[in-house]
């Protein structure tokens, strides 16, 4: 299957302590990664 050519910033350092709750400007909470010190541009697939 041909690749669509989409690139993402993949996190290679993903473990539980790197996830956390953050607040948005609209005052709602989200869960997101809070430590992106080891990332790599990678194919979407």
PDB file of N, CA and C in Angstrom:
ATOM      1  N   UNK A   1       0.856  -1.171   0.000  1.00  0.00           N
ATOM      2  CA  UNK A   1       0.000   0.000   0.000  1.00  0.00           C
ATOM      3  C   UNK A   1       0.904   1.236   0.000  1.00  0.00           C
ATOM      4  N   UNK A   2       0.658   2.203  -0.831  1.00  0.00           N
ATOM      5  CA  UNK A   2       1.502   3.405  -0.863  1.00  0.00           C
ATOM      6  C   UNK A   2       1.336   4.259   0.386  1.00  0.00           C
ATOM      7  N   UNK A   3       2.406   4.893   0.767  1.00  0.00           N
ATOM      8  CA  UNK A   3       2.389   5.768   1.938  1.00  0.00           C
ATOM      9  C   UNK A   3       1.751   7.109   1.575  1.00  0.00           C
ATOM     10  N   UNK A   4       0.906   7.681   2.479  1.00  0.00           N
ATOM     11  CA  UNK A   4       0.307   8.972   2.181  1.00  0.00           C
ATOM     12  C   UNK A   4       1.286  10.137   2.340  1.00  0.00           C
ATOM     13  N   UNK A   5       2.458   9.879   2.914  1.00  0.00           N
ATOM     14  CA  UNK A   5       3.446  10.942   3.073  1.00  0.00           C
ATOM     15  C   UNK A   5       3.231  11.835   4.278  1.00  0.00           C
ATOM     16  N   UNK A   6       2.314  11.468   5.163  1.00  0.00           N
ATOM     17  CA  UNK A   6       2.070  12.261   6.369  1.00  0.00           C
ATOM     18  C   UNK A   6       3.157  11.983   7.398  1.00  0.00           C
ATOM     19  N   UNK A   7       3.669  13.031   8.037  1.00  0.00           N
ATOM     20  CA  UNK A   7       4.681  12.900   9.070  1.00  0.00           C
ATOM     21  C   UNK A   7       4.088  13.369  10.390  1.00  0.00           C
ATOM     22  N   UNK A   8       4.442  12.704  11.477  1.00  0.00           N
ATOM     23  CA  UNK A   8       3.998  13.076  12.822  1.00  0.00           C
ATOM     24  C   UNK A   8       5.216  13.199  13.720  1.00  0.00           C
ATOM     25  N   UNK A   9       5.067  13.874  14.837  1.00  0.00           N
ATOM     26  CA  UNK A   9       6.136  13.970  15.817  1.00  0.00           C
ATOM     27  C   UNK A   9       5.900  12.853  16.833  1.00  0.00           C
ATOM     28  N   UNK A  10       6.605  11.739  16.686  1.00  0.00           N
ATOM     29  CA  UNK A  10       6.409  10.561  17.520  1.00  0.00           C
ATOM     30  C   UNK A  10       7.227  10.685  18.802  1.00  0.00           C
ATOM     31  N   UNK A  11       6.620  10.307  19.902  1.00  0.00           N
ATOM     32  CA  UNK A  11       7.304  10.355  21.194  1.00  0.00           C
ATOM     33  C   UNK A  11       7.904   8.998  21.498  1.00  0.00           C
ATOM     34  N   UNK A  12       9.170   8.966  21.774  1.00  0.00           N
ATOM     35  CA  UNK A  12       9.869   7.715  22.083  1.00  0.00           C
ATOM     36  C   UNK A  12      10.023   7.512  23.576  1.00  0.00           C
ATOM     37  N   UNK A  13       9.623   8.461  24.372  1.00  0.00           N
ATOM     38  CA  UNK A  13       9.843   8.436  25.819  1.00  0.00           C
ATOM     39  C   UNK A  13       8.493   8.436  26.528  1.00  0.00           C
ATOM     40  N   UNK A  14       7.617   7.510  26.154  1.00  0.00           N
ATOM     41  CA  UNK A  14       6.258   7.529  26.672  1.00  0.00           C
ATOM     42  C   UNK A  14       6.110   6.536  27.822  1.00  0.00           C
ATOM     43  N   UNK A  15       5.967   7.048  29.016  1.00  0.00           N
ATOM     44  CA  UNK A  15       5.634   6.235  30.173  1.00  0.00           C
ATOM     45  C   UNK A  15       4.709   7.034  31.068  1.00  0.00           C
ATOM     46  N   UNK A  16       4.160   6.402  32.065  1.00  0.00           N
ATOM     47  CA  UNK A  16       3.074   6.985  32.852  1.00  0.00           C
ATOM     48  C   UNK A  16       3.399   8.345  33.449  1.00  0.00           C
ATOM     49  N   UNK A  17       4.624   8.576  33.897  1.00  0.00           N
ATOM     50  CA  UNK A  17       4.962   9.850  34.521  1.00  0.00           C
ATOM     51  C   UNK A  17       5.028  11.001  33.518  1.00  0.00           C
ATOM     52  N   UNK A  18       5.040  10.704  32.226  1.00  0.00           N
ATOM     53  CA  UNK A  18       5.054  11.753  31.210  1.00  0.00           C
ATOM     54  C   UNK A  18       3.649  12.163  30.772  1.00  0.00           C
ATOM     55  N   UNK A  19       2.639  11.571  31.349  1.00  0.00           N
ATOM     56  CA  UNK A  19       1.262  11.959  31.058  1.00  0.00           C
ATOM     57  C   UNK A  19       0.748  12.797  32.217  1.00  0.00           C
ATOM     58  N   UNK A  20      -0.046  13.793  31.892  1.00  0.00           N
ATOM     59  CA  UNK A  20      -0.555  14.631  32.960  1.00  0.00           C
ATOM     60  C   UNK A  20      -1.795  15.390  32.545  1.00  0.00           C
ATOM     61  N   UNK A  21      -2.481  15.921  33.520  1.00  0.00           N
ATOM     62  CA  UNK A  21      -3.659  16.727  33.271  1.00  0.00           C
ATOM     63  C   UNK A  21      -3.266  18.177  33.052  1.00  0.00           C
ATOM     64  N   UNK A  22      -3.843  18.772  32.055  1.00  0.00           N
ATOM     65  CA  UNK A  22      -3.590  20.174  31.720  1.00  0.00           C
ATOM     66  C   UNK A  22      -4.914  20.917  31.625  1.00  0.00           C
ATOM     67  N   UNK A  23      -4.863  22.210  31.820  1.00  0.00           N
ATOM     68  CA  UNK A  23      -6.062  23.040  31.694  1.00  0.00           C
ATOM     69  C   UNK A  23      -6.013  23.799  30.371  1.00  0.00           C
ATOM     70  N   UNK A  24      -7.154  23.891  29.698  1.00  0.00           N
ATOM     71  CA  UNK A  24      -7.250  24.653  28.460  1.00  0.00           C
ATOM     72  C   UNK A  24      -7.696  26.083  28.778  1.00  0.00           C
ATOM     73  N   UNK A  25      -7.557  26.999  27.834  1.00  0.00           N
ATOM     74  CA  UNK A  25      -8.048  28.372  28.059  1.00  0.00           C
ATOM     75  C   UNK A  25      -9.558  28.430  28.316  1.00  0.00           C
ATOM     76  N   UNK A  26     -10.297  27.399  27.851  1.00  0.00           N
ATOM     77  CA  UNK A  26     -11.751  27.359  28.070  1.00  0.00           C
ATOM     78  C   UNK A  26     -12.105  26.779  29.436  1.00  0.00           C
ATOM     79  N   UNK A  27     -11.108  26.530  30.281  1.00  0.00           N
ATOM     80  CA  UNK A  27     -11.269  26.017  31.631  1.00  0.00           C
ATOM     81  C   UNK A  27     -11.781  24.582  31.671  1.00  0.00           C
ATOM     82  N   UNK A  28     -11.396  23.795  30.688  1.00  0.00           N
ATOM     83  CA  UNK A  28     -11.696  22.372  30.730  1.00  0.00           C
ATOM     84  C   UNK A  28     -10.381  21.607  30.848  1.00  0.00           C
ATOM     85  N   UNK A  29     -10.446  20.400  31.372  1.00  0.00           N
ATOM     86  CA  UNK A  29      -9.244  19.616  31.578  1.00  0.00           C
ATOM     87  C   UNK A  29      -9.008  18.630  30.441  1.00  0.00           C
ATOM     88  N   UNK A  30      -7.759  18.409  30.116  1.00  0.00           N
ATOM     89  CA  UNK A  30      -7.386  17.421  29.116  1.00  0.00           C
ATOM     90  C   UNK A  30      -6.202  16.612  29.639  1.00  0.00           C
ATOM     91  N   UNK A  31      -6.025  15.429  29.106  1.00  0.00           N
ATOM     92  CA  UNK A  31      -4.871  14.606  29.429  1.00  0.00           C
ATOM     93  C   UNK A  31      -3.943  14.642  28.221  1.00  0.00           C
ATOM     94  N   UNK A  32      -2.687  14.971  28.448  1.00  0.00           N
ATOM     95  CA  UNK A  32      -1.744  15.120  27.345  1.00  0.00           C
ATOM     96  C   UNK A  32      -0.353  14.775  27.836  1.00  0.00           C
ATOM     97  N   UNK A  33       0.563  14.640  26.918  1.00  0.00           N
ATOM     98  CA  UNK A  33       1.959  14.398  27.276  1.00  0.00           C
ATOM     99  C   UNK A  33       2.576  15.709  27.731  1.00  0.00           C
ATOM    100  N   UNK A  34       3.374  15.653  28.790  1.00  0.00           N
ATOM    101  CA  UNK A  34       3.977  16.876  29.301  1.00  0.00           C
ATOM    102  C   UNK A  34       5.504  16.840  29.228  1.00  0.00           C
ATOM    103  N   UNK A  35       6.068  15.831  28.595  1.00  0.00           N
ATOM    104  CA  UNK A  35       7.524  15.729  28.475  1.00  0.00           C
ATOM    105  C   UNK A  35       7.854  15.235  27.076  1.00  0.00           C
ATOM    106  N   UNK A  36       8.312  16.110  26.231  1.00  0.00           N
ATOM    107  CA  UNK A  36       8.596  15.761  24.836  1.00  0.00           C
ATOM    108  C   UNK A  36      10.086  15.910  24.538  1.00  0.00           C
ATOM    109  N   UNK A  37      10.927  15.463  25.461  1.00  0.00           N
ATOM    110  CA  UNK A  37      12.363  15.636  25.254  1.00  0.00           C
ATOM    111  C   UNK A  37      12.963  14.619  24.297  1.00  0.00           C
ATOM    112  N   UNK A  38      12.268  13.528  24.018  1.00  0.00           N
ATOM    113  CA  UNK A  38      12.775  12.531  23.089  1.00  0.00           C
ATOM    114  C   UNK A  38      11.722  12.264  22.023  1.00  0.00           C
ATOM    115  N   UNK A  39      11.640  13.131  21.039  1.00  0.00           N
ATOM    116  CA  UNK A  39      10.688  12.940  19.950  1.00  0.00           C
ATOM    117  C   UNK A  39      11.441  12.813  18.633  1.00  0.00           C
ATOM    118  N   UNK A  40      10.738  12.318  17.632  1.00  0.00           N
ATOM    119  CA  UNK A  40      11.338  12.050  16.341  1.00  0.00           C
ATOM    120  C   UNK A  40      10.288  12.201  15.255  1.00  0.00           C
ATOM    121  N   UNK A  41      10.586  12.939  14.178  1.00  0.00           N
ATOM    122  CA  UNK A  41       9.648  12.950  13.055  1.00  0.00           C
ATOM    123  C   UNK A  41       9.571  11.546  12.448  1.00  0.00           C
ATOM    124  N   UNK A  42       8.369  11.021  12.301  1.00  0.00           N
ATOM    125  CA  UNK A  42       8.188   9.647  11.817  1.00  0.00           C
ATOM    126  C   UNK A  42       6.997   9.580  10.861  1.00  0.00           C
ATOM    127  N   UNK A  43       6.932   8.544  10.035  1.00  0.00           N
ATOM    128  CA  UNK A  43       5.764   8.375   9.173  1.00  0.00           C
ATOM    129  C   UNK A  43       4.504   8.098   9.980  1.00  0.00           C
ATOM    130  N   UNK A  44       3.382   8.511   9.476  1.00  0.00           N
ATOM    131  CA  UNK A  44       2.088   8.338  10.142  1.00  0.00           C
ATOM    132  C   UNK A  44       1.775   6.861  10.379  1.00  0.00           C
ATOM    133  N   UNK A  45       2.149   6.018   9.455  1.00  0.00           N
ATOM    134  CA  UNK A  45       1.827   4.595   9.569  1.00  0.00           C
ATOM    135  C   UNK A  45       2.537   3.979  10.745  1.00  0.00           C
TER     136      UNK A  45
END
